[in-house]
PDB file of N, CA and C in Angstrom:
ATOM      1  N   UNK A   1     156.812  64.103 173.600  1.00  0.00           N
ATOM      2  CA  UNK A   1     156.395  64.935 172.487  1.00  0.00           C
ATOM      3  C   UNK A   1     155.220  64.317 171.766  1.00  0.00           C
ATOM      4  N   UNK A   2     155.248  63.009 171.601  1.00  0.00           N
ATOM      5  CA  UNK A   2     154.158  62.313 170.920  1.00  0.00           C
ATOM      6  C   UNK A   2     152.846  62.482 171.688  1.00  0.00           C
ATOM      7  N   UNK A   3     152.920  62.501 173.006  1.00  0.00           N
ATOM      8  CA  UNK A   3     151.737  62.663 173.843  1.00  0.00           C
ATOM      9  C   UNK A   3     151.101  64.026 173.625  1.00  0.00           C
ATOM     10  N   UNK A   4     151.925  65.084 173.478  1.00  0.00           N
ATOM     11  CA  UNK A   4     151.388  66.421 173.218  1.00  0.00           C
ATOM     12  C   UNK A   4     150.663  66.462 171.884  1.00  0.00           C
ATOM     13  N   UNK A   5     151.210  65.822 170.864  1.00  0.00           N
ATOM     14  CA  UNK A   5     150.565  65.784 169.552  1.00  0.00           C
ATOM     15  C   UNK A   5     149.248  65.052 169.630  1.00  0.00           C
ATOM     16  N   UNK A   6     149.232  63.947 170.362  1.00  0.00           N
ATOM     17  CA  UNK A   6     148.010  63.169 170.512  1.00  0.00           C
ATOM     18  C   UNK A   6     146.952  63.968 171.263  1.00  0.00           C
ATOM     19  N   UNK A   7     147.358  64.692 172.313  1.00  0.00           N
ATOM     20  CA  UNK A   7     146.428  65.517 173.085  1.00  0.00           C
ATOM     21  C   UNK A   7     145.866  66.641 172.229  1.00  0.00           C
ATOM     22  N   UNK A   8     146.709  67.269 171.426  1.00  0.00           N
ATOM     23  CA  UNK A   8     146.252  68.343 170.543  1.00  0.00           C
ATOM     24  C   UNK A   8     145.265  67.809 169.521  1.00  0.00           C
ATOM     25  N   UNK A   9     145.522  66.629 168.997  1.00  0.00           N
ATOM     26  CA  UNK A   9     144.613  66.026 168.019  1.00  0.00           C
ATOM     27  C   UNK A   9     143.277  65.689 168.663  1.00  0.00           C
ATOM     28  N   UNK A  10     143.311  65.171 169.884  1.00  0.00           N
ATOM     29  CA  UNK A  10     142.076  64.841 170.593  1.00  0.00           C
ATOM     30  C   UNK A  10     141.270  66.093 170.885  1.00  0.00           C
ATOM     31  N   UNK A  11     141.935  67.179 171.295  1.00  0.00           N
ATOM     32  CA  UNK A  11     141.264  68.439 171.570  1.00  0.00           C
ATOM     33  C   UNK A  11     140.637  69.003 170.297  1.00  0.00           C
ATOM     34  N   UNK A  12     141.368  68.961 169.194  1.00  0.00           N
ATOM     35  CA  UNK A  12     140.842  69.440 167.918  1.00  0.00           C
ATOM     36  C   UNK A  12     139.605  68.658 167.511  1.00  0.00           C
ATOM     37  N   UNK A  13     139.658  67.357 167.652  1.00  0.00           N
ATOM     38  CA  UNK A  13     138.517  66.514 167.302  1.00  0.00           C
ATOM     39  C   UNK A  13     137.315  66.839 168.177  1.00  0.00           C
ATOM     40  N   UNK A  14     137.547  67.075 169.471  1.00  0.00           N
ATOM     41  CA  UNK A  14     136.452  67.408 170.386  1.00  0.00           C
ATOM     42  C   UNK A  14     135.827  68.746 170.024  1.00  0.00           C
ATOM     43  N   UNK A  15     136.651  69.725 169.666  1.00  0.00           N
ATOM     44  CA  UNK A  15     136.121  71.029 169.278  1.00  0.00           C
ATOM     45  C   UNK A  15     135.306  70.941 167.995  1.00  0.00           C
ATOM     46  N   UNK A  16     135.795  70.176 167.028  1.00  0.00           N
ATOM     47  CA  UNK A  16     135.058  70.009 165.787  1.00  0.00           C
ATOM     48  C   UNK A  16     133.732  69.307 166.030  1.00  0.00           C
ATOM     49  N   UNK A  17     133.746  68.306 166.876  1.00  0.00           N
ATOM     50  CA  UNK A  17     132.526  67.574 167.178  1.00  0.00           C
ATOM     51  C   UNK A  17     131.517  68.463 167.890  1.00  0.00           C
ATOM     52  N   UNK A  18     131.973  69.314 168.786  1.00  0.00           N
ATOM     53  CA  UNK A  18     131.042  70.197 169.491  1.00  0.00           C
ATOM     54  C   UNK A  18     130.468  71.235 168.545  1.00  0.00           C
ATOM     55  N   UNK A  19     131.234  71.645 167.528  1.00  0.00           N
ATOM     56  CA  UNK A  19     130.721  72.581 166.532  1.00  0.00           C
ATOM     57  C   UNK A  19     129.603  71.977 165.720  1.00  0.00           C
ATOM     58  N   UNK A  20     129.671  70.680 165.480  1.00  0.00           N
ATOM     59  CA  UNK A  20     128.627  70.018 164.706  1.00  0.00           C
ATOM     60  C   UNK A  20     127.294  70.054 165.445  1.00  0.00           C
ATOM     61  N   UNK A  21     127.330  70.115 166.757  1.00  0.00           N
ATOM     62  CA  UNK A  21     126.096  70.160 167.530  1.00  0.00           C
ATOM     63  C   UNK A  21     125.358  71.476 167.305  1.00  0.00           C
ATOM     64  N   UNK A  22     126.066  72.510 166.871  1.00  0.00           N
ATOM     65  CA  UNK A  22     125.437  73.802 166.625  1.00  0.00           C
ATOM     66  C   UNK A  22     125.004  73.987 165.175  1.00  0.00           C
ATOM     67  N   UNK A  23     125.132  72.977 164.354  1.00  0.00           N
ATOM     68  CA  UNK A  23     124.716  73.078 162.956  1.00  0.00           C
ATOM     69  C   UNK A  23     123.222  73.335 162.887  1.00  0.00           C
ATOM     70  N   UNK A  24     122.801  74.040 161.840  1.00  0.00           N
ATOM     71  CA  UNK A  24     121.383  74.345 161.671  1.00  0.00           C
ATOM     72  C   UNK A  24     120.577  73.077 161.474  1.00  0.00           C
ATOM     73  N   UNK A  25     119.389  73.091 162.000  1.00  0.00           N
ATOM     74  CA  UNK A  25     118.452  71.986 161.857  1.00  0.00           C
ATOM     75  C   UNK A  25     117.173  72.537 161.255  1.00  0.00           C
ATOM     76  N   UNK A  26     116.487  71.754 160.439  1.00  0.00           N
ATOM     77  CA  UNK A  26     115.217  72.234 159.892  1.00  0.00           C
ATOM     78  C   UNK A  26     114.202  72.435 161.009  1.00  0.00           C
ATOM     79  N   UNK A  27     113.396  73.483 160.892  1.00  0.00           N
ATOM     80  CA  UNK A  27     112.366  73.752 161.884  1.00  0.00           C
ATOM     81  C   UNK A  27     111.202  72.790 161.749  1.00  0.00           C
ATOM     82  N   UNK A  28     110.415  72.697 162.791  1.00  0.00           N
ATOM     83  CA  UNK A  28     109.255  71.806 162.792  1.00  0.00           C
ATOM     84  C   UNK A  28     108.229  72.215 161.738  1.00  0.00           C
ATOM     85  N   UNK A  29     108.221  73.493 161.378  1.00  0.00           N
ATOM     86  CA  UNK A  29     107.255  73.985 160.394  1.00  0.00           C
ATOM     87  C   UNK A  29     107.830  74.073 158.980  1.00  0.00           C
ATOM     88  N   UNK A  30     108.973  73.464 158.755  1.00  0.00           N
ATOM     89  CA  UNK A  30     109.610  73.470 157.435  1.00  0.00           C
ATOM     90  C   UNK A  30     109.001  72.403 156.531  1.00  0.00           C
ATOM     91  N   UNK A  31     109.167  72.618 155.225  1.00  0.00           N
ATOM     92  CA  UNK A  31     108.804  71.559 154.281  1.00  0.00           C
ATOM     93  C   UNK A  31     109.810  70.424 154.447  1.00  0.00           C
ATOM     94  N   UNK A  32     109.392  69.195 154.209  1.00  0.00           N
ATOM     95  CA  UNK A  32     110.338  68.072 154.321  1.00  0.00           C
ATOM     96  C   UNK A  32     111.432  68.169 153.257  1.00  0.00           C
ATOM     97  N   UNK A  33     112.570  67.564 153.536  1.00  0.00           N
ATOM     98  CA  UNK A  33     113.693  67.589 152.601  1.00  0.00           C
ATOM     99  C   UNK A  33     113.293  66.983 151.253  1.00  0.00           C
ATOM    100  N   UNK A  34     112.427  65.982 151.266  1.00  0.00           N
ATOM    101  CA  UNK A  34     111.984  65.352 150.010  1.00  0.00           C
ATOM    102  C   UNK A  34     111.248  66.359 149.127  1.00  0.00           C
ATOM    103  N   UNK A  35     110.472  67.224 149.758  1.00  0.00           N
ATOM    104  CA  UNK A  35     109.766  68.258 148.995  1.00  0.00           C
ATOM    105  C   UNK A  35     110.744  69.291 148.442  1.00  0.00           C
ATOM    106  N   UNK A  36     111.770  69.632 149.216  1.00  0.00           N
ATOM    107  CA  UNK A  36     112.791  70.572 148.740  1.00  0.00           C
ATOM    108  C   UNK A  36     113.533  69.992 147.541  1.00  0.00           C
ATOM    109  N   UNK A  37     113.853  68.711 147.594  1.00  0.00           N
ATOM    110  CA  UNK A  37     114.519  68.048 146.463  1.00  0.00           C
ATOM    111  C   UNK A  37     113.613  68.049 145.240  1.00  0.00           C
ATOM    112  N   UNK A  38     112.347  67.759 145.434  1.00  0.00           N
ATOM    113  CA  UNK A  38     111.389  67.774 144.326  1.00  0.00           C
ATOM    114  C   UNK A  38     111.280  69.176 143.725  1.00  0.00           C
ATOM    115  N   UNK A  39     111.269  70.202 144.569  1.00  0.00           N
ATOM    116  CA  UNK A  39     111.219  71.585 144.086  1.00  0.00           C
ATOM    117  C   UNK A  39     112.450  71.902 143.253  1.00  0.00           C
ATOM    118  N   UNK A  40     113.627  71.476 143.714  1.00  0.00           N
ATOM    119  CA  UNK A  40     114.861  71.712 142.952  1.00  0.00           C
ATOM    120  C   UNK A  40     114.804  71.006 141.603  1.00  0.00           C
ATOM    121  N   UNK A  41     114.313  69.791 141.584  1.00  0.00           N
ATOM    122  CA  UNK A  41     114.208  69.059 140.312  1.00  0.00           C
ATOM    123  C   UNK A  41     113.218  69.747 139.369  1.00  0.00           C
ATOM    124  N   UNK A  42     112.142  70.282 139.917  1.00  0.00           N
ATOM    125  CA  UNK A  42     111.180  71.028 139.090  1.00  0.00           C
ATOM    126  C   UNK A  42     111.781  72.323 138.563  1.00  0.00           C
ATOM    127  N   UNK A  43     112.824  72.827 139.226  1.00  0.00           N
ATOM    128  CA  UNK A  43     113.523  74.033 138.786  1.00  0.00           C
ATOM    129  C   UNK A  43     114.620  73.717 137.773  1.00  0.00           C
ATOM    130  N   UNK A  44     114.728  72.452 137.354  1.00  0.00           N
ATOM    131  CA  UNK A  44     115.660  72.088 136.298  1.00  0.00           C
ATOM    132  C   UNK A  44     116.885  71.303 136.732  1.00  0.00           C
ATOM    133  N   UNK A  45     116.998  70.977 138.006  1.00  0.00           N
ATOM    134  CA  UNK A  45     118.153  70.206 138.470  1.00  0.00           C
ATOM    135  C   UNK A  45     117.976  68.740 138.095  1.00  0.00           C
ATOM    136  N   UNK A  46     119.001  68.199 137.448  1.00  0.00           N
ATOM    137  CA  UNK A  46     118.959  66.789 137.065  1.00  0.00           C
ATOM    138  C   UNK A  46     119.668  65.921 138.092  1.00  0.00           C
ATOM    139  N   UNK A  47     120.597  66.524 138.841  1.00  0.00           N
ATOM    140  CA  UNK A  47     121.309  65.835 139.922  1.00  0.00           C
ATOM    141  C   UNK A  47     121.436  66.789 141.097  1.00  0.00           C
ATOM    142  N   UNK A  48     121.188  66.286 142.288  1.00  0.00           N
ATOM    143  CA  UNK A  48     121.393  67.051 143.508  1.00  0.00           C
ATOM    144  C   UNK A  48     122.613  66.454 144.197  1.00  0.00           C
ATOM    145  N   UNK A  49     123.663  67.267 144.386  1.00  0.00           N
ATOM    146  CA  UNK A  49     124.894  66.780 145.002  1.00  0.00           C
ATOM    147  C   UNK A  49     124.883  66.948 146.514  1.00  0.00           C
ATOM    148  N   UNK A  50     124.226  67.995 146.987  1.00  0.00           N
ATOM    149  CA  UNK A  50     124.157  68.226 148.429  1.00  0.00           C
ATOM    150  C   UNK A  50     122.937  69.074 148.729  1.00  0.00           C
ATOM    151  N   UNK A  51     122.406  68.882 149.927  1.00  0.00           N
ATOM    152  CA  UNK A  51     121.315  69.725 150.416  1.00  0.00           C
ATOM    153  C   UNK A  51     121.358  69.670 151.933  1.00  0.00           C
ATOM    154  N   UNK A  52     121.231  70.857 152.552  1.00  0.00           N
ATOM    155  CA  UNK A  52     121.284  70.924 154.011  1.00  0.00           C
ATOM    156  C   UNK A  52     120.505  72.141 154.496  1.00  0.00           C
ATOM    157  N   UNK A  53     120.136  72.101 155.759  1.00  0.00           N
ATOM    158  CA  UNK A  53     119.452  73.225 156.386  1.00  0.00           C
ATOM    159  C   UNK A  53     120.477  74.289 156.745  1.00  0.00           C
ATOM    160  N   UNK A  54     120.177  75.547 156.396  1.00  0.00           N
ATOM    161  CA  UNK A  54     121.059  76.652 156.753  1.00  0.00           C
ATOM    162  C   UNK A  54     120.197  77.897 156.903  1.00  0.00           C
ATOM    163  N   UNK A  55     120.286  78.548 158.044  1.00  0.00           N
ATOM    164  CA  UNK A  55     119.446  79.695 158.374  1.00  0.00           C
ATOM    165  C   UNK A  55     117.983  79.287 158.225  1.00  0.00           C
ATOM    166  N   UNK A  56     117.268  79.911 157.334  1.00  0.00           N
ATOM    167  CA  UNK A  56     115.847  79.612 157.158  1.00  0.00           C
ATOM    168  C   UNK A  56     115.575  78.885 155.841  1.00  0.00           C
ATOM    169  N   UNK A  57     116.615  78.285 155.259  1.00  0.00           N
ATOM    170  CA  UNK A  57     116.484  77.701 153.928  1.00  0.00           C
ATOM    171  C   UNK A  57     117.112  76.318 153.834  1.00  0.00           C
ATOM    172  N   UNK A  58     116.623  75.579 152.849  1.00  0.00           N
ATOM    173  CA  UNK A  58     117.336  74.401 152.375  1.00  0.00           C
ATOM    174  C   UNK A  58     118.319  74.929 151.342  1.00  0.00           C
ATOM    175  N   UNK A  59     119.603  74.637 151.508  1.00  0.00           N
ATOM    176  CA  UNK A  59     120.620  75.070 150.557  1.00  0.00           C
ATOM    177  C   UNK A  59     121.243  73.844 149.923  1.00  0.00           C
ATOM    178  N   UNK A  60     121.470  73.930 148.627  1.00  0.00           N
ATOM    179  CA  UNK A  60     122.046  72.786 147.959  1.00  0.00           C
ATOM    180  C   UNK A  60     122.824  73.155 146.716  1.00  0.00           C
ATOM    181  N   UNK A  61     123.440  72.122 146.147  1.00  0.00           N
ATOM    182  CA  UNK A  61     124.199  72.251 144.904  1.00  0.00           C
ATOM    183  C   UNK A  61     123.857  71.061 144.030  1.00  0.00           C
ATOM    184  N   UNK A  62     123.964  71.283 142.726  1.00  0.00           N
ATOM    185  CA  UNK A  62     123.700  70.200 141.805  1.00  0.00           C
ATOM    186  C   UNK A  62     123.949  70.603 140.371  1.00  0.00           C
ATOM    187  N   UNK A  63     123.594  69.706 139.480  1.00  0.00           N
ATOM    188  CA  UNK A  63     123.742  69.942 138.040  1.00  0.00           C
ATOM    189  C   UNK A  63     122.380  70.201 137.428  1.00  0.00           C
ATOM    190  N   UNK A  64     122.382  71.084 136.435  1.00  0.00           N
ATOM    191  CA  UNK A  64     121.175  71.319 135.652  1.00  0.00           C
ATOM    192  C   UNK A  64     121.344  70.656 134.290  1.00  0.00           C
ATOM    193  N   UNK A  65     120.304  70.754 133.485  1.00  0.00           N
ATOM    194  CA  UNK A  65     120.287  70.092 132.177  1.00  0.00           C
ATOM    195  C   UNK A  65     121.413  70.553 131.267  1.00  0.00           C
ATOM    196  N   UNK A  66     121.935  71.775 131.484  1.00  0.00           N
ATOM    197  CA  UNK A  66     123.036  72.267 130.655  1.00  0.00           C
ATOM    198  C   UNK A  66     124.393  71.690 131.066  1.00  0.00           C
ATOM    199  N   UNK A  67     124.404  70.837 132.113  1.00  0.00           N
ATOM    200  CA  UNK A  67     125.630  70.198 132.564  1.00  0.00           C
ATOM    201  C   UNK A  67     126.483  71.049 133.483  1.00  0.00           C
ATOM    202  N   UNK A  68     126.025  72.255 133.814  1.00  0.00           N
ATOM    203  CA  UNK A  68     126.776  73.146 134.691  1.00  0.00           C
ATOM    204  C   UNK A  68     126.328  72.971 136.134  1.00  0.00           C
ATOM    205  N   UNK A  69     127.252  73.320 137.060  1.00  0.00           N
ATOM    206  CA  UNK A  69     126.956  73.249 138.494  1.00  0.00           C
ATOM    207  C   UNK A  69     126.248  74.537 138.930  1.00  0.00           C
ATOM    208  N   UNK A  70     125.224  74.360 139.732  1.00  0.00           N
ATOM    209  CA  UNK A  70     124.462  75.482 140.258  1.00  0.00           C
ATOM    210  C   UNK A  70     124.277  75.300 141.759  1.00  0.00           C
ATOM    211  N   UNK A  71     123.960  76.403 142.418  1.00  0.00           N
ATOM    212  CA  UNK A  71     123.577  76.331 143.812  1.00  0.00           C
ATOM    213  C   UNK A  71     122.172  76.909 143.942  1.00  0.00           C
ATOM    214  N   UNK A  72     121.459  76.429 144.958  1.00  0.00           N
ATOM    215  CA  UNK A  72     120.093  76.900 145.150  1.00  0.00           C
ATOM    216  C   UNK A  72     119.784  77.062 146.628  1.00  0.00           C
ATOM    217  N   UNK A  73     118.769  77.868 146.890  1.00  0.00           N
ATOM    218  CA  UNK A  73     118.186  77.995 148.221  1.00  0.00           C
ATOM    219  C   UNK A  73     116.685  77.875 148.057  1.00  0.00           C
ATOM    220  N   UNK A  74     116.084  77.141 148.967  1.00  0.00           N
ATOM    221  CA  UNK A  74     114.638  76.977 148.977  1.00  0.00           C
ATOM    222  C   UNK A  74     114.162  77.353 150.376  1.00  0.00           C
ATOM    223  N   UNK A  75     113.250  78.313 150.449  1.00  0.00           N
ATOM    224  CA  UNK A  75     112.739  78.748 151.737  1.00  0.00           C
ATOM    225  C   UNK A  75     112.179  77.556 152.496  1.00  0.00           C
ATOM    226  N   UNK A  76     112.637  77.378 153.716  1.00  0.00           N
ATOM    227  CA  UNK A  76     112.257  76.216 154.508  1.00  0.00           C
ATOM    228  C   UNK A  76     110.775  76.142 154.839  1.00  0.00           C
ATOM    229  N   UNK A  77     110.117  77.272 154.917  1.00  0.00           N
ATOM    230  CA  UNK A  77     108.698  77.293 155.280  1.00  0.00           C
ATOM    231  C   UNK A  77     107.775  77.316 154.069  1.00  0.00           C
ATOM    232  N   UNK A  78     108.104  78.149 153.080  1.00  0.00           N
ATOM    233  CA  UNK A  78     107.201  78.316 151.940  1.00  0.00           C
ATOM    234  C   UNK A  78     107.492  77.351 150.804  1.00  0.00           C
ATOM    235  N   UNK A  79     108.732  76.851 150.729  1.00  0.00           N
ATOM    236  CA  UNK A  79     109.108  75.975 149.632  1.00  0.00           C
ATOM    237  C   UNK A  79     109.426  76.703 148.341  1.00  0.00           C
ATOM    238  N   UNK A  80     109.524  78.023 148.407  1.00  0.00           N
ATOM    239  CA  UNK A  80     109.833  78.837 147.218  1.00  0.00           C
ATOM    240  C   UNK A  80     111.345  78.884 146.993  1.00  0.00           C
ATOM    241  N   UNK A  81     111.752  78.822 145.720  1.00  0.00           N
ATOM    242  CA  UNK A  81     113.174  78.958 145.362  1.00  0.00           C
ATOM    243  C   UNK A  81     113.549  80.427 145.545  1.00  0.00           C
ATOM    244  N   UNK A  82     114.544  80.680 146.386  1.00  0.00           N
ATOM    245  CA  UNK A  82     114.969  82.064 146.642  1.00  0.00           C
ATOM    246  C   UNK A  82     116.337  82.373 146.041  1.00  0.00           C
ATOM    247  N   UNK A  83     117.051  81.334 145.592  1.00  0.00           N
ATOM    248  CA  UNK A  83     118.342  81.518 144.932  1.00  0.00           C
ATOM    249  C   UNK A  83     118.535  80.378 143.959  1.00  0.00           C
ATOM    250  N   UNK A  84     118.981  80.711 142.774  1.00  0.00           N
ATOM    251  CA  UNK A  84     119.255  79.706 141.747  1.00  0.00           C
ATOM    252  C   UNK A  84     120.306  80.313 140.835  1.00  0.00           C
ATOM    253  N   UNK A  85     121.588  80.010 141.107  1.00  0.00           N
ATOM    254  CA  UNK A  85     122.647  80.632 140.320  1.00  0.00           C
ATOM    255  C   UNK A  85     123.755  79.642 140.030  1.00  0.00           C
ATOM    256  N   UNK A  86     124.488  79.933 138.962  1.00  0.00           N
ATOM    257  CA  UNK A  86     125.618  79.093 138.599  1.00  0.00           C
ATOM    258  C   UNK A  86     126.688  79.170 139.672  1.00  0.00           C
ATOM    259  N   UNK A  87     127.254  78.018 139.994  1.00  0.00           N
ATOM    260  CA  UNK A  87     128.242  77.925 141.065  1.00  0.00           C
ATOM    261  C   UNK A  87     129.635  78.166 140.542  1.00  0.00           C
TER     262      UNK A  87
END
């Protein structure tokens, strides 16, 4: 029985790992992540908690000067903020 549990755990780990290979990656023509972070800070973010490539945007979460959590999207190619809302 223990062997079946171990096999199931190994299979689950392998499936999760293979899913990570399909995660979005920034395109060659995208703005660098450092520029996206700078854009978010210029939009009022005092702390950036996360930022990652998703679809055609840099998506992230952080705190603004009012102390509330917000989420943002920055177009990967143009660097324009396309979403800025309270989380």
